[in-house]
């Protein structure tokens, strides 16, 4: 049981990290602004989904 819980926690952390990195990369390529990159990094997956829907 402990092993399953460990994998779930690791996968969740990796997903959040990847979403933030992806949002920051997209934001930087569009706006070239550190402020926008930080804001979009905090919003992470919400910004990525918004970007996909508006493109």
PDB file of N, CA and C in Angstrom:
ATOM      1  N   UNK A   1       0.826  -1.200   0.000  1.00  0.00           N
ATOM      2  CA  UNK A   1       0.000   0.000   0.000  1.00  0.00           C
ATOM      3  C   UNK A   1       0.867   1.260   0.000  1.00  0.00           C
ATOM      4  N   UNK A   2       1.929   1.284   0.761  1.00  0.00           N
ATOM      5  CA  UNK A   2       2.819   2.439   0.834  1.00  0.00           C
ATOM      6  C   UNK A   2       3.462   2.719  -0.523  1.00  0.00           C
ATOM      7  N   UNK A   3       3.806   1.662  -1.259  1.00  0.00           N
ATOM      8  CA  UNK A   3       4.451   1.838  -2.552  1.00  0.00           C
ATOM      9  C   UNK A   3       3.505   2.515  -3.550  1.00  0.00           C
ATOM     10  N   UNK A   4       2.245   2.177  -3.560  1.00  0.00           N
ATOM     11  CA  UNK A   4       1.262   2.794  -4.456  1.00  0.00           C
ATOM     12  C   UNK A   4       1.114   4.272  -4.119  1.00  0.00           C
ATOM     13  N   UNK A   5       1.068   4.605  -2.866  1.00  0.00           N
ATOM     14  CA  UNK A   5       0.930   5.996  -2.437  1.00  0.00           C
ATOM     15  C   UNK A   5       2.146   6.815  -2.876  1.00  0.00           C
ATOM     16  N   UNK A   6       3.335   6.239  -2.799  1.00  0.00           N
ATOM     17  CA  UNK A   6       4.551   6.937  -3.204  1.00  0.00           C
ATOM     18  C   UNK A   6       4.527   7.246  -4.695  1.00  0.00           C
ATOM     19  N   UNK A   7       4.126   6.296  -5.523  1.00  0.00           N
ATOM     20  CA  UNK A   7       4.058   6.522  -6.967  1.00  0.00           C
ATOM     21  C   UNK A   7       3.044   7.599  -7.315  1.00  0.00           C
ATOM     22  N   UNK A   8       1.918   7.604  -6.645  1.00  0.00           N
ATOM     23  CA  UNK A   8       0.886   8.604  -6.913  1.00  0.00           C
ATOM     24  C   UNK A   8       1.383   9.996  -6.570  1.00  0.00           C
ATOM     25  N   UNK A   9       2.036  10.155  -5.451  1.00  0.00           N
ATOM     26  CA  UNK A   9       2.567  11.448  -5.037  1.00  0.00           C
ATOM     27  C   UNK A   9       3.635  11.918  -6.016  1.00  0.00           C
ATOM     28  N   UNK A  10       4.515  11.031  -6.447  1.00  0.00           N
ATOM     29  CA  UNK A  10       5.557  11.408  -7.398  1.00  0.00           C
ATOM     30  C   UNK A  10       4.966  11.818  -8.737  1.00  0.00           C
ATOM     31  N   UNK A  11       3.967  11.113  -9.200  1.00  0.00           N
ATOM     32  CA  UNK A  11       3.335  11.446 -10.478  1.00  0.00           C
ATOM     33  C   UNK A  11       2.640  12.790 -10.400  1.00  0.00           C
ATOM     34  N   UNK A  12       2.018  13.089  -9.286  1.00  0.00           N
ATOM     35  CA  UNK A  12       1.345  14.373  -9.119  1.00  0.00           C
ATOM     36  C   UNK A  12       2.348  15.510  -9.138  1.00  0.00           C
ATOM     37  N   UNK A  13       3.439  15.363  -8.453  1.00  0.00           N
ATOM     38  CA  UNK A  13       4.458  16.410  -8.439  1.00  0.00           C
ATOM     39  C   UNK A  13       5.068  16.598  -9.822  1.00  0.00           C
ATOM     40  N   UNK A  14       5.301  15.535 -10.542  1.00  0.00           N
ATOM     41  CA  UNK A  14       5.865  15.639 -11.882  1.00  0.00           C
ATOM     42  C   UNK A  14       4.892  16.329 -12.828  1.00  0.00           C
ATOM     43  N   UNK A  15       3.619  16.061 -12.722  1.00  0.00           N
ATOM     44  CA  UNK A  15       2.616  16.700 -13.565  1.00  0.00           C
ATOM     45  C   UNK A  15       2.524  18.186 -13.329  1.00  0.00           C
ATOM     46  N   UNK A  16       2.573  18.599 -12.097  1.00  0.00           N
ATOM     47  CA  UNK A  16       2.516  20.024 -11.773  1.00  0.00           C
ATOM     48  C   UNK A  16       3.772  20.720 -12.275  1.00  0.00           C
ATOM     49  N   UNK A  17       4.902  20.108 -12.108  1.00  0.00           N
ATOM     50  CA  UNK A  17       6.158  20.694 -12.579  1.00  0.00           C
ATOM     51  C   UNK A  17       6.203  20.824 -14.087  1.00  0.00           C
ATOM     52  N   UNK A  18       5.746  19.815 -14.796  1.00  0.00           N
ATOM     53  CA  UNK A  18       5.745  19.848 -16.257  1.00  0.00           C
ATOM     54  C   UNK A  18       4.762  20.899 -16.767  1.00  0.00           C
ATOM     55  N   UNK A  19       3.605  21.014 -16.146  1.00  0.00           N
ATOM     56  CA  UNK A  19       2.619  22.018 -16.554  1.00  0.00           C
ATOM     57  C   UNK A  19       3.156  23.432 -16.392  1.00  0.00           C
ATOM     58  N   UNK A  20       3.831  23.681 -15.297  1.00  0.00           N
ATOM     59  CA  UNK A  20       4.412  24.999 -15.071  1.00  0.00           C
ATOM     60  C   UNK A  20       5.507  25.305 -16.083  1.00  0.00           C
ATOM     61  N   UNK A  21       6.362  24.328 -16.333  1.00  0.00           N
ATOM     62  CA  UNK A  21       7.447  24.521 -17.296  1.00  0.00           C
ATOM     63  C   UNK A  21       6.891  24.770 -18.698  1.00  0.00           C
ATOM     64  N   UNK A  22       5.875  24.040 -19.069  1.00  0.00           N
ATOM     65  CA  UNK A  22       5.252  24.217 -20.378  1.00  0.00           C
ATOM     66  C   UNK A  22       4.603  25.592 -20.496  1.00  0.00           C
ATOM     67  N   UNK A  23       3.899  26.020 -19.463  1.00  0.00           N
ATOM     68  CA  UNK A  23       3.251  27.342 -19.468  1.00  0.00           C
ATOM     69  C   UNK A  23       4.290  28.453 -19.557  1.00  0.00           C
ATOM     70  N   UNK A  24       5.380  28.328 -18.821  1.00  0.00           N
ATOM     71  CA  UNK A  24       6.434  29.343 -18.856  1.00  0.00           C
ATOM     72  C   UNK A  24       7.072  29.403 -20.234  1.00  0.00           C
ATOM     73  N   UNK A  25       7.308  28.253 -20.839  1.00  0.00           N
ATOM     74  CA  UNK A  25       7.911  28.207 -22.171  1.00  0.00           C
ATOM     75  C   UNK A  25       7.002  28.848 -23.219  1.00  0.00           C
ATOM     76  N   UNK A  26       5.725  28.507 -23.184  1.00  0.00           N
ATOM     77  CA  UNK A  26       4.769  29.096 -24.127  1.00  0.00           C
ATOM     78  C   UNK A  26       4.689  30.606 -23.919  1.00  0.00           C
ATOM     79  N   UNK A  27       4.583  31.021 -22.672  1.00  0.00           N
ATOM     80  CA  UNK A  27       4.462  32.438 -22.360  1.00  0.00           C
ATOM     81  C   UNK A  27       5.694  33.204 -22.821  1.00  0.00           C
ATOM     82  N   UNK A  28       6.874  32.673 -22.563  1.00  0.00           N
ATOM     83  CA  UNK A  28       8.107  33.363 -22.956  1.00  0.00           C
ATOM     84  C   UNK A  28       8.202  33.469 -24.476  1.00  0.00           C
ATOM     85  N   UNK A  29       7.813  32.413 -25.192  1.00  0.00           N
ATOM     86  CA  UNK A  29       7.911  32.450 -26.649  1.00  0.00           C
ATOM     87  C   UNK A  29       6.941  33.466 -27.257  1.00  0.00           C
ATOM     88  N   UNK A  30       5.821  33.726 -26.594  1.00  0.00           N
ATOM     89  CA  UNK A  30       4.850  34.687 -27.111  1.00  0.00           C
ATOM     90  C   UNK A  30       5.125  36.118 -26.671  1.00  0.00           C
ATOM     91  N   UNK A  31       5.430  36.319 -25.394  1.00  0.00           N
ATOM     92  CA  UNK A  31       5.475  37.667 -24.825  1.00  0.00           C
ATOM     93  C   UNK A  31       6.882  38.186 -24.544  1.00  0.00           C
ATOM     94  N   UNK A  32       7.858  37.316 -24.397  1.00  0.00           N
ATOM     95  CA  UNK A  32       9.235  37.707 -24.036  1.00  0.00           C
ATOM     96  C   UNK A  32       9.260  38.581 -22.778  1.00  0.00           C
ATOM     97  N   UNK A  33       8.445  38.201 -21.785  1.00  0.00           N
ATOM     98  CA  UNK A  33       8.338  38.960 -20.542  1.00  0.00           C
ATOM     99  C   UNK A  33       8.450  38.003 -19.355  1.00  0.00           C
ATOM    100  N   UNK A  34       9.344  38.326 -18.437  1.00  0.00           N
ATOM    101  CA  UNK A  34       9.525  37.490 -17.250  1.00  0.00           C
ATOM    102  C   UNK A  34       8.288  37.563 -16.359  1.00  0.00           C
ATOM    103  N   UNK A  35       7.690  38.746 -16.252  1.00  0.00           N
ATOM    104  CA  UNK A  35       6.495  38.896 -15.415  1.00  0.00           C
ATOM    105  C   UNK A  35       5.366  37.991 -15.910  1.00  0.00           C
ATOM    106  N   UNK A  36       5.083  38.023 -17.224  1.00  0.00           N
ATOM    107  CA  UNK A  36       4.038  37.159 -17.770  1.00  0.00           C
ATOM    108  C   UNK A  36       4.401  35.687 -17.617  1.00  0.00           C
ATOM    109  N   UNK A  37       5.668  35.350 -17.776  1.00  0.00           N
ATOM    110  CA  UNK A  37       6.102  33.957 -17.620  1.00  0.00           C
ATOM    111  C   UNK A  37       5.849  33.464 -16.197  1.00  0.00           C
ATOM    112  N   UNK A  38       6.110  34.308 -15.210  1.00  0.00           N
ATOM    113  CA  UNK A  38       5.864  33.934 -13.816  1.00  0.00           C
ATOM    114  C   UNK A  38       4.367  33.755 -13.560  1.00  0.00           C
ATOM    115  N   UNK A  39       3.576  34.705 -14.039  1.00  0.00           N
ATOM    116  CA  UNK A  39       2.123  34.617 -13.842  1.00  0.00           C
ATOM    117  C   UNK A  39       1.568  33.362 -14.501  1.00  0.00           C
ATOM    118  N   UNK A  40       1.981  33.094 -15.722  1.00  0.00           N
ATOM    119  CA  UNK A  40       1.488  31.912 -16.425  1.00  0.00           C
ATOM    120  C   UNK A  40       2.032  30.629 -15.810  1.00  0.00           C
ATOM    121  N   UNK A  41       3.231  30.674 -15.251  1.00  0.00           N
ATOM    122  CA  UNK A  41       3.774  29.508 -14.551  1.00  0.00           C
ATOM    123  C   UNK A  41       2.953  29.157 -13.324  1.00  0.00           C
ATOM    124  N   UNK A  42       2.454  30.169 -12.634  1.00  0.00           N
ATOM    125  CA  UNK A  42       1.593  29.926 -11.465  1.00  0.00           C
ATOM    126  C   UNK A  42       0.257  29.324 -11.909  1.00  0.00           C
ATOM    127  N   UNK A  43      -0.267  29.824 -13.017  1.00  0.00           N
ATOM    128  CA  UNK A  43      -1.538  29.304 -13.526  1.00  0.00           C
ATOM    129  C   UNK A  43      -1.371  27.938 -14.194  1.00  0.00           C
ATOM    130  N   UNK A  44      -0.193  27.614 -14.612  1.00  0.00           N
ATOM    131  CA  UNK A  44       0.258  26.378 -15.257  1.00  0.00           C
ATOM    132  C   UNK A  44      -0.742  25.760 -16.231  1.00  0.00           C
ATOM    133  N   UNK A  45      -1.410  24.689 -15.859  1.00  0.00           N
ATOM    134  CA  UNK A  45      -2.258  23.943 -16.790  1.00  0.00           C
ATOM    135  C   UNK A  45      -3.438  24.771 -17.294  1.00  0.00           C
ATOM    136  N   UNK A  46      -3.928  25.708 -16.483  1.00  0.00           N
ATOM    137  CA  UNK A  46      -5.020  26.567 -16.946  1.00  0.00           C
ATOM    138  C   UNK A  46      -4.566  27.398 -18.143  1.00  0.00           C
ATOM    139  N   UNK A  47      -3.349  27.921 -18.069  1.00  0.00           N
ATOM    140  CA  UNK A  47      -2.834  28.710 -19.186  1.00  0.00           C
ATOM    141  C   UNK A  47      -2.554  27.828 -20.398  1.00  0.00           C
ATOM    142  N   UNK A  48      -2.022  26.649 -20.191  1.00  0.00           N
ATOM    143  CA  UNK A  48      -1.741  25.736 -21.304  1.00  0.00           C
ATOM    144  C   UNK A  48      -3.039  25.382 -22.032  1.00  0.00           C
ATOM    145  N   UNK A  49      -4.071  25.062 -21.293  1.00  0.00           N
ATOM    146  CA  UNK A  49      -5.368  24.725 -21.906  1.00  0.00           C
ATOM    147  C   UNK A  49      -5.954  25.945 -22.615  1.00  0.00           C
ATOM    148  N   UNK A  50      -5.844  27.121 -22.000  1.00  0.00           N
ATOM    149  CA  UNK A  50      -6.318  28.355 -22.637  1.00  0.00           C
ATOM    150  C   UNK A  50      -5.572  28.591 -23.945  1.00  0.00           C
ATOM    151  N   UNK A  51      -4.273  28.396 -23.943  1.00  0.00           N
ATOM    152  CA  UNK A  51      -3.465  28.576 -25.151  1.00  0.00           C
ATOM    153  C   UNK A  51      -3.904  27.621 -26.253  1.00  0.00           C
ATOM    154  N   UNK A  52      -4.143  26.375 -25.894  1.00  0.00           N
ATOM    155  CA  UNK A  52      -4.575  25.374 -26.888  1.00  0.00           C
ATOM    156  C   UNK A  52      -5.938  25.757 -27.467  1.00  0.00           C
ATOM    157  N   UNK A  53      -6.853  26.183 -26.621  1.00  0.00           N
ATOM    158  CA  UNK A  53      -8.197  26.518 -27.082  1.00  0.00           C
ATOM    159  C   UNK A  53      -8.248  27.779 -27.945  1.00  0.00           C
ATOM    160  N   UNK A  54      -7.331  28.710 -27.710  1.00  0.00           N
ATOM    161  CA  UNK A  54      -7.354  29.964 -28.459  1.00  0.00           C
ATOM    162  C   UNK A  54      -6.475  29.939 -29.700  1.00  0.00           C
ATOM    163  N   UNK A  55      -5.746  28.902 -29.936  1.00  0.00           N
ATOM    164  CA  UNK A  55      -4.894  28.817 -31.123  1.00  0.00           C
ATOM    165  C   UNK A  55      -5.587  28.109 -32.231  1.00  0.00           C
TER     166      UNK A  55
END
